[in-house]
PDB file of N, CA and C in Angstrom:
ATOM      1  N   MET A   1       7.752 106.722  -0.160  1.00  0.00           N
ATOM      2  CA  MET A   1       6.416 106.857  -0.240  1.00  0.00           C
ATOM      3  C   MET A   1       5.567 107.784   0.896  1.00  0.00           C
ATOM      4  N   ALA A   2       4.625 107.860   0.523  1.00  0.00           N
ATOM      5  CA  ALA A   2       3.663 108.718   1.422  1.00  0.00           C
ATOM      6  C   ALA A   2       2.925 107.976   2.292  1.00  0.00           C
ATOM      7  N   THR A   3       2.609 108.402   3.592  1.00  0.00           N
ATOM      8  CA  THR A   3       1.905 107.643   4.340  1.00  0.00           C
ATOM      9  C   THR A   3       0.357 108.106   4.382  1.00  0.00           C
ATOM     10  N   PRO A   4      -0.577 107.151   4.445  1.00  0.00           N
ATOM     11  CA  PRO A   4      -2.084 107.789   4.287  1.00  0.00           C
ATOM     12  C   PRO A   4      -2.113 108.605   5.315  1.00  0.00           C
ATOM     13  N   LEU A   5      -3.228 109.613   4.716  1.00  0.00           N
ATOM     14  CA  LEU A   5      -3.523 110.589   5.369  1.00  0.00           C
ATOM     15  C   LEU A   5      -4.585 110.042   6.842  1.00  0.00           C
ATOM     16  N   LYS A   6      -4.783 110.812   7.764  1.00  0.00           N
ATOM     17  CA  LYS A   6      -5.692 110.547   9.390  1.00  0.00           C
ATOM     18  C   LYS A   6      -6.925 111.053   8.373  1.00  0.00           C
ATOM     19  N   SER A   7      -7.804 110.266   8.907  1.00  0.00           N
ATOM     20  CA  SER A   7      -9.559 110.802   8.682  1.00  0.00           C
ATOM     21  C   SER A   7     -10.013 111.496   9.914  1.00  0.00           C
ATOM     22  N   GLY A   8     -10.672 112.210   9.573  1.00  0.00           N
ATOM     23  CA  GLY A   8     -11.106 113.014  10.979  1.00  0.00           C
ATOM     24  C   GLY A   8     -12.005 112.445  11.641  1.00  0.00           C
ATOM     25  N   LYS A   9     -12.401 111.442  11.222  1.00  0.00           N
ATOM     26  CA  LYS A   9     -13.499 110.876  12.212  1.00  0.00           C
ATOM     27  C   LYS A   9     -13.292 109.496  12.944  1.00  0.00           C
ATOM     28  N   GLN A  10     -13.651 109.443  13.985  1.00  0.00           N
ATOM     29  CA  GLN A  10     -13.296 108.617  14.958  1.00  0.00           C
ATOM     30  C   GLN A  10     -13.951 107.101  14.711  1.00  0.00           C
ATOM     31  N   SER A  11     -12.867 106.270  14.813  1.00  0.00           N
ATOM     32  CA  SER A  11     -13.355 104.855  14.556  1.00  0.00           C
ATOM     33  C   SER A  11     -14.568 104.274  15.586  1.00  0.00           C
ATOM     34  N   VAL A  12     -15.142 103.308  14.985  1.00  0.00           N
ATOM     35  CA  VAL A  12     -16.157 102.921  16.118  1.00  0.00           C
ATOM     36  C   VAL A  12     -16.188 101.556  16.578  1.00  0.00           C
ATOM     37  N   ASN A  13     -16.073 101.258  17.887  1.00  0.00           N
ATOM     38  CA  ASN A  13     -16.194 100.025  18.313  1.00  0.00           C
ATOM     39  C   ASN A  13     -17.306  99.178  18.245  1.00  0.00           C
ATOM     40  N   LEU A  14     -17.144  98.229  17.482  1.00  0.00           N
ATOM     41  CA  LEU A  14     -18.304  97.206  17.250  1.00  0.00           C
ATOM     42  C   LEU A  14     -18.586  96.400  18.305  1.00  0.00           C
ATOM     43  N   ALA A  15     -17.692  96.234  19.057  1.00  0.00           N
ATOM     44  CA  ALA A  15     -17.989  95.371  19.977  1.00  0.00           C
ATOM     45  C   ALA A  15     -18.735  95.427  21.274  1.00  0.00           C
ATOM     46  N   SER A  16     -19.179  96.888  21.236  1.00  0.00           N
ATOM     47  CA  SER A  16     -19.583  97.358  22.605  1.00  0.00           C
ATOM     48  C   SER A  16     -21.272  97.287  22.190  1.00  0.00           C
ATOM     49  N   PRO A  17     -22.074  97.354  23.286  1.00  0.00           N
ATOM     50  CA  PRO A  17     -23.640  97.149  22.738  1.00  0.00           C
ATOM     51  C   PRO A  17     -24.002  98.854  22.213  1.00  0.00           C
ATOM     52  N   PRO A  18     -24.925  98.810  21.244  1.00  0.00           N
ATOM     53  CA  PRO A  18     -25.330 100.072  20.815  1.00  0.00           C
ATOM     54  C   PRO A  18     -26.236 100.962  21.805  1.00  0.00           C
ATOM     55  N   ARG A  19     -25.717 102.602  21.592  1.00  0.00           N
ATOM     56  CA  ARG A  19     -26.518 103.161  22.441  1.00  0.00           C
ATOM     57  C   ARG A  19     -28.062 103.463  22.288  1.00  0.00           C
ATOM     58  N   VAL A  20     -28.945 103.259  23.090  1.00  0.00           N
ATOM     59  CA  VAL A  20     -30.398 103.527  23.082  1.00  0.00           C
ATOM     60  C   VAL A  20     -30.856 104.782  22.796  1.00  0.00           C
ATOM     61  N   SER A  21     -31.623 105.006  22.030  1.00  0.00           N
ATOM     62  CA  SER A  21     -31.971 106.801  21.856  1.00  0.00           C
ATOM     63  C   SER A  21     -33.054 106.924  23.137  1.00  0.00           C
ATOM     64  N   LYS A  22     -32.824 108.069  23.475  1.00  0.00           N
ATOM     65  CA  LYS A  22     -33.586 108.700  24.495  1.00  0.00           C
ATOM     66  C   LYS A  22     -34.691 109.358  23.871  1.00  0.00           C
ATOM     67  N   ILE A  23     -34.846 109.518  23.068  1.00  0.00           N
ATOM     68  CA  ILE A  23     -35.808 110.707  22.505  1.00  0.00           C
ATOM     69  C   ILE A  23     -37.280 109.926  22.692  1.00  0.00           C
ATOM     70  N   ARG A  24     -38.305 110.554  22.977  1.00  0.00           N
ATOM     71  CA  ARG A  24     -39.486 109.802  23.451  1.00  0.00           C
ATOM     72  C   ARG A  24     -40.266 110.211  21.871  1.00  0.00           C
ATOM     73  N   ARG A  25     -41.059 109.342  21.741  1.00  0.00           N
ATOM     74  CA  ARG A  25     -41.783 109.433  20.256  1.00  0.00           C
ATOM     75  C   ARG A  25     -43.086 109.196  20.353  1.00  0.00           C
ATOM     76  N   ASP A  26     -43.893 109.733  19.782  1.00  0.00           N
ATOM     77  CA  ASP A  26     -45.682 109.593  19.741  1.00  0.00           C
ATOM     78  C   ASP A  26     -45.727 108.447  19.049  1.00  0.00           C
ATOM     79  N   PRO A  27     -46.833 107.916  19.636  1.00  0.00           N
ATOM     80  CA  PRO A  27     -47.045 106.447  18.913  1.00  0.00           C
ATOM     81  C   PRO A  27     -47.580 106.644  17.565  1.00  0.00           C
ATOM     82  N   PRO A  28     -47.499 105.961  16.430  1.00  0.00           N
ATOM     83  CA  PRO A  28     -48.119 105.825  15.185  1.00  0.00           C
ATOM     84  C   PRO A  28     -49.617 106.237  15.305  1.00  0.00           C
ATOM     85  N   PRO A  29     -49.921 106.960  14.339  1.00  0.00           N
ATOM     86  CA  PRO A  29     -51.248 107.555  14.263  1.00  0.00           C
ATOM     87  C   PRO A  29     -52.291 106.113  13.776  1.00  0.00           C
ATOM     88  N   MET A  30     -53.613 106.350  14.327  1.00  0.00           N
ATOM     89  CA  MET A  30     -54.490 105.140  14.353  1.00  0.00           C
ATOM     90  C   MET A  30     -54.652 105.081  12.796  1.00  0.00           C
ATOM     91  N   VAL A  31     -55.045 103.797  12.154  1.00  0.00           N
ATOM     92  CA  VAL A  31     -55.270 103.811  10.937  1.00  0.00           C
ATOM     93  C   VAL A  31     -56.989 104.019  10.680  1.00  0.00           C
ATOM     94  N   LYS A  32     -57.156 105.052   9.817  1.00  0.00           N
ATOM     95  CA  LYS A  32     -58.443 105.299   9.555  1.00  0.00           C
ATOM     96  C   LYS A  32     -59.276 104.204   8.459  1.00  0.00           C
ATOM     97  N   LYS A  33     -60.298 103.649   9.003  1.00  0.00           N
ATOM     98  CA  LYS A  33     -60.978 102.731   8.230  1.00  0.00           C
ATOM     99  C   LYS A  33     -61.524 103.333   7.089  1.00  0.00           C
ATOM    100  N   VAL A  34     -61.461 102.734   6.164  1.00  0.00           N
ATOM    101  CA  VAL A  34     -61.611 103.184   4.498  1.00  0.00           C
ATOM    102  C   VAL A  34     -63.137 102.446   4.399  1.00  0.00           C
ATOM    103  N   GLU A  35     -64.313 103.165   3.853  1.00  0.00           N
ATOM    104  CA  GLU A  35     -65.666 102.518   3.782  1.00  0.00           C
ATOM    105  C   GLU A  35     -65.474 102.221   2.298  1.00  0.00           C
ATOM    106  N   VAL A  36     -65.455 101.065   2.164  1.00  0.00           N
ATOM    107  CA  VAL A  36     -65.549 100.526   0.464  1.00  0.00           C
ATOM    108  C   VAL A  36     -67.070 100.331  -0.155  1.00  0.00           C
ATOM    109  N   LYS A  37     -67.144 100.818  -1.240  1.00  0.00           N
ATOM    110  CA  LYS A  37     -68.548 101.106  -1.529  1.00  0.00           C
ATOM    111  C   LYS A  37     -68.830  99.931  -2.581  1.00  0.00           C
ATOM    112  N   ASP A  38     -69.671  99.528  -2.897  1.00  0.00           N
ATOM    113  CA  ASP A  38     -70.279  98.425  -3.617  1.00  0.00           C
ATOM    114  C   ASP A  38     -69.780  98.844  -4.953  1.00  0.00           C
ATOM    115  N   PRO A  39     -69.187  98.135  -6.111  1.00  0.00           N
ATOM    116  CA  PRO A  39     -69.113  98.517  -7.177  1.00  0.00           C
ATOM    117  C   PRO A  39     -70.238  98.842  -8.141  1.00  0.00           C
ATOM    118  N   GLU A  40     -71.062  98.086  -7.979  1.00  0.00           N
ATOM    119  CA  GLU A  40     -72.533  98.290  -8.775  1.00  0.00           C
ATOM    120  C   GLU A  40     -73.287  99.383  -8.407  1.00  0.00           C
ATOM    121  N   ASP A  41     -73.264  99.949  -6.965  1.00  0.00           N
ATOM    122  CA  ASP A  41     -73.513 100.940  -6.576  1.00  0.00           C
ATOM    123  C   ASP A  41     -73.132 102.289  -7.151  1.00  0.00           C
ATOM    124  N   ARG A  42     -71.651 102.502  -7.420  1.00  0.00           N
ATOM    125  CA  ARG A  42     -70.820 103.351  -7.922  1.00  0.00           C
ATOM    126  C   ARG A  42     -71.071 103.591  -9.410  1.00  0.00           C
ATOM    127  N   ASP A  43     -70.937 102.325 -10.257  1.00  0.00           N
ATOM    128  CA  ASP A  43     -71.434 102.151 -11.704  1.00  0.00           C
ATOM    129  C   ASP A  43     -72.668 102.705 -11.958  1.00  0.00           C
ATOM    130  N   THR A  44     -74.029 102.286 -11.352  1.00  0.00           N
ATOM    131  CA  THR A  44     -75.251 102.907 -11.059  1.00  0.00           C
ATOM    132  C   THR A  44     -75.162 104.746 -11.142  1.00  0.00           C
ATOM    133  N   GLN A  45     -74.453 104.795 -10.176  1.00  0.00           N
ATOM    134  CA  GLN A  45     -74.473 106.257  -9.678  1.00  0.00           C
ATOM    135  C   GLN A  45     -73.930 107.173 -11.134  1.00  0.00           C
ATOM    136  N   THR A  46     -72.704 106.408 -11.305  1.00  0.00           N
ATOM    137  CA  THR A  46     -72.061 106.989 -12.453  1.00  0.00           C
ATOM    138  C   THR A  46     -72.807 107.277 -13.572  1.00  0.00           C
ATOM    139  N   VAL A  47     -73.771 106.263 -14.373  1.00  0.00           N
ATOM    140  CA  VAL A  47     -74.490 106.184 -15.194  1.00  0.00           C
ATOM    141  C   VAL A  47     -75.634 107.157 -15.175  1.00  0.00           C
ATOM    142  N   VAL A  48     -76.127 106.950 -13.967  1.00  0.00           N
ATOM    143  CA  VAL A  48     -77.312 108.174 -13.803  1.00  0.00           C
ATOM    144  C   VAL A  48     -76.975 109.539 -14.121  1.00  0.00           C
ATOM    145  N   ILE A  49     -75.702 109.632 -13.610  1.00  0.00           N
ATOM    146  CA  ILE A  49     -75.128 111.336 -13.741  1.00  0.00           C
ATOM    147  C   ILE A  49     -75.001 111.611 -15.240  1.00  0.00           C
ATOM    148  N   GLY A  50     -74.034 110.302 -15.814  1.00  0.00           N
ATOM    149  CA  GLY A  50     -73.501 110.683 -17.093  1.00  0.00           C
ATOM    150  C   GLY A  50     -75.007 110.918 -17.826  1.00  0.00           C
ATOM    151  N   VAL A  51     -75.996 110.114 -17.762  1.00  0.00           N
ATOM    152  CA  VAL A  51     -77.345 110.404 -18.781  1.00  0.00           C
ATOM    153  C   VAL A  51     -78.123 111.763 -18.582  1.00  0.00           C
ATOM    154  N   ILE A  52     -77.864 111.997 -17.113  1.00  0.00           N
ATOM    155  CA  ILE A  52     -78.494 113.451 -16.700  1.00  0.00           C
ATOM    156  C   ILE A  52     -77.715 114.399 -17.430  1.00  0.00           C
ATOM    157  N   ALA A  53     -76.268 114.558 -17.329  1.00  0.00           N
ATOM    158  CA  ALA A  53     -75.455 115.604 -17.998  1.00  0.00           C
ATOM    159  C   ALA A  53     -75.494 115.647 -19.515  1.00  0.00           C
ATOM    160  N   PHE A  54     -75.876 114.316 -19.917  1.00  0.00           N
ATOM    161  CA  PHE A  54     -75.943 114.205 -21.830  1.00  0.00           C
ATOM    162  C   PHE A  54     -77.174 115.052 -21.730  1.00  0.00           C
ATOM    163  N   ALA A  55     -78.343 114.682 -21.134  1.00  0.00           N
ATOM    164  CA  ALA A  55     -79.668 115.257 -21.448  1.00  0.00           C
ATOM    165  C   ALA A  55     -79.522 116.845 -21.125  1.00  0.00           C
ATOM    166  N   VAL A  56     -78.863 117.432 -20.062  1.00  0.00           N
ATOM    167  CA  VAL A  56     -78.810 118.794 -20.086  1.00  0.00           C
ATOM    168  C   VAL A  56     -77.831 119.463 -21.180  1.00  0.00           C
ATOM    169  N   ALA A  57     -76.967 118.608 -21.615  1.00  0.00           N
ATOM    170  CA  ALA A  57     -76.288 119.252 -22.783  1.00  0.00           C
ATOM    171  C   ALA A  57     -76.830 119.366 -24.179  1.00  0.00           C
ATOM    172  N   LEU A  58     -77.890 118.244 -24.264  1.00  0.00           N
ATOM    173  CA  LEU A  58     -78.388 118.149 -25.528  1.00  0.00           C
ATOM    174  C   LEU A  58     -79.399 119.321 -25.218  1.00  0.00           C
ATOM    175  N   PHE A  59     -80.122 119.727 -24.294  1.00  0.00           N
ATOM    176  CA  PHE A  59     -81.269 120.527 -24.163  1.00  0.00           C
ATOM    177  C   PHE A  59     -80.444 121.845 -24.244  1.00  0.00           C
ATOM    178  N   ILE A  60     -79.148 122.377 -23.806  1.00  0.00           N
ATOM    179  CA  ILE A  60     -78.916 123.437 -24.117  1.00  0.00           C
ATOM    180  C   ILE A  60     -78.548 123.824 -25.381  1.00  0.00           C
ATOM    181  N   VAL A  61     -77.823 122.663 -26.470  1.00  0.00           N
ATOM    182  CA  VAL A  61     -77.632 122.766 -27.711  1.00  0.00           C
ATOM    183  C   VAL A  61     -78.966 122.981 -28.415  1.00  0.00           C
ATOM    184  N   MET A  62     -80.058 122.482 -28.104  1.00  0.00           N
ATOM    185  CA  MET A  62     -81.372 122.552 -28.743  1.00  0.00           C
ATOM    186  C   MET A  62     -82.088 124.133 -28.208  1.00  0.00           C
ATOM    187  N   LEU A  63     -81.749 124.480 -27.324  1.00  0.00           N
ATOM    188  CA  LEU A  63     -82.053 126.168 -27.126  1.00  0.00           C
ATOM    189  C   LEU A  63     -81.108 126.897 -27.528  1.00  0.00           C
ATOM    190  N   GLY A  64     -79.756 126.757 -27.986  1.00  0.00           N
ATOM    191  CA  GLY A  64     -79.085 127.742 -28.674  1.00  0.00           C
ATOM    192  C   GLY A  64     -79.437 127.610 -29.977  1.00  0.00           C
ATOM    193  N   ILE A  65     -79.657 126.378 -30.525  1.00  0.00           N
ATOM    194  CA  ILE A  65     -80.030 126.540 -32.010  1.00  0.00           C
ATOM    195  C   ILE A  65     -81.424 127.180 -32.082  1.00  0.00           C
ATOM    196  N   SER A  66     -82.232 127.008 -31.298  1.00  0.00           N
ATOM    197  CA  SER A  66     -83.616 127.432 -31.549  1.00  0.00           C
ATOM    198  C   SER A  66     -83.368 129.228 -31.549  1.00  0.00           C
ATOM    199  N   THR A  67     -82.906 129.511 -30.761  1.00  0.00           N
ATOM    200  CA  THR A  67     -82.676 130.970 -30.398  1.00  0.00           C
ATOM    201  C   THR A  67     -82.090 131.633 -31.547  1.00  0.00           C
ATOM    202  N   TYR A  68     -80.803 130.688 -32.102  1.00  0.00           N
ATOM    203  CA  TYR A  68     -80.296 131.185 -33.153  1.00  0.00           C
ATOM    204  C   TYR A  68     -80.878 131.319 -34.379  1.00  0.00           C
ATOM    205  N   SER A  69     -81.766 130.446 -34.650  1.00  0.00           N
ATOM    206  CA  SER A  69     -83.030 130.326 -36.164  1.00  0.00           C
ATOM    207  C   SER A  69     -84.088 131.426 -35.777  1.00  0.00           C
ATOM    208  N   GLY A  70     -84.171 132.018 -34.566  1.00  0.00           N
ATOM    209  CA  GLY A  70     -85.140 133.201 -34.209  1.00  0.00           C
ATOM    210  C   GLY A  70     -86.417 132.572 -33.914  1.00  0.00           C
ATOM    211  N   TRP A  71     -86.611 131.138 -33.539  1.00  0.00           N
ATOM    212  CA  TRP A  71     -87.831 130.512 -33.125  1.00  0.00           C
ATOM    213  C   TRP A  71     -88.144 130.901 -31.324  1.00  0.00           C
ATOM    214  N   SER A  72     -89.381 131.163 -31.189  1.00  0.00           N
ATOM    215  CA  SER A  72     -89.605 131.302 -29.750  1.00  0.00           C
ATOM    216  C   SER A  72     -90.920 130.820 -29.410  1.00  0.00           C
ATOM    217  N   PRO A  73     -91.002 130.158 -28.238  1.00  0.00           N
ATOM    218  CA  PRO A  73     -92.657 129.763 -28.002  1.00  0.00           C
ATOM    219  C   PRO A  73     -93.856 131.205 -28.390  1.00  0.00           C
ATOM    220  N   GLY A  74     -93.216 132.157 -28.108  1.00  0.00           N
ATOM    221  CA  GLY A  74     -94.316 133.352 -28.196  1.00  0.00           C
ATOM    222  C   GLY A  74     -94.490 133.185 -29.735  1.00  0.00           C
ATOM    223  N   ASP A  75     -94.133 132.815 -30.656  1.00  0.00           N
ATOM    224  CA  ASP A  75     -94.606 133.033 -31.754  1.00  0.00           C
ATOM    225  C   ASP A  75     -96.222 132.249 -31.861  1.00  0.00           C
ATOM    226  N   TYR A  76     -96.372 131.539 -30.997  1.00  0.00           N
ATOM    227  CA  TYR A  76     -97.854 130.710 -31.170  1.00  0.00           C
ATOM    228  C   TYR A  76     -98.906 131.238 -30.245  1.00  0.00           C
ATOM    229  N   ASN A  77     -99.710 131.147 -30.735  1.00  0.00           N
ATOM    230  CA  ASN A  77    -100.993 131.546 -29.676  1.00  0.00           C
ATOM    231  C   ASN A  77    -102.144 130.439 -29.462  1.00  0.00           C
ATOM    232  N   VAL A  78    -102.177 130.142 -28.119  1.00  0.00           N
ATOM    233  CA  VAL A  78    -102.970 129.252 -27.819  1.00  0.00           C
ATOM    234  C   VAL A  78    -104.429 129.611 -27.246  1.00  0.00           C
ATOM    235  N   GLU A  79    -105.597 128.971 -27.807  1.00  0.00           N
ATOM    236  CA  GLU A  79    -106.696 129.570 -27.789  1.00  0.00           C
ATOM    237  C   GLU A  79    -107.731 128.243 -26.814  1.00  0.00           C
ATOM    238  N   VAL A  80    -107.943 128.598 -26.039  1.00  0.00           N
ATOM    239  CA  VAL A  80    -108.699 127.563 -25.106  1.00  0.00           C
ATOM    240  C   VAL A  80    -110.160 127.783 -25.337  1.00  0.00           C
ATOM    241  N   ASN A  81    -110.933 126.780 -25.776  1.00  0.00           N
ATOM    242  CA  ASN A  81    -112.646 126.548 -25.889  1.00  0.00           C
ATOM    243  C   ASN A  81    -113.055 126.139 -24.729  1.00  0.00           C
ATOM    244  N   LEU A  82    -113.691 126.717 -23.707  1.00  0.00           N
ATOM    245  CA  LEU A  82    -114.420 126.236 -22.497  1.00  0.00           C
ATOM    246  C   LEU A  82    -116.368 125.708 -22.845  1.00  0.00           C
ATOM    247  N   GLY A  83    -116.232 125.412 -24.134  1.00  0.00           N
ATOM    248  CA  GLY A  83    -117.867 124.853 -24.174  1.00  0.00           C
ATOM    249  C   GLY A  83    -118.651 125.177 -25.190  1.00  0.00           C
TER     250      GLY A  83
END
């Protein structure tokens, strides 16, 4: 029968107290305070931005359609009678 092979590792004595690390470490960084926004304010801001974005998009589409069809405000003459 074959004998077991010796391991290259040394055995650890678990009865002795553990060695204390001598590496100095920086203290953990301070936790940053996160400002919590009110959900109603955030929702209001989102709605306002959405309405403005929709109005701008609608204006651009109307401007594109009017340019494509050949309409221009210069087609009209405005006369002002002062008296």
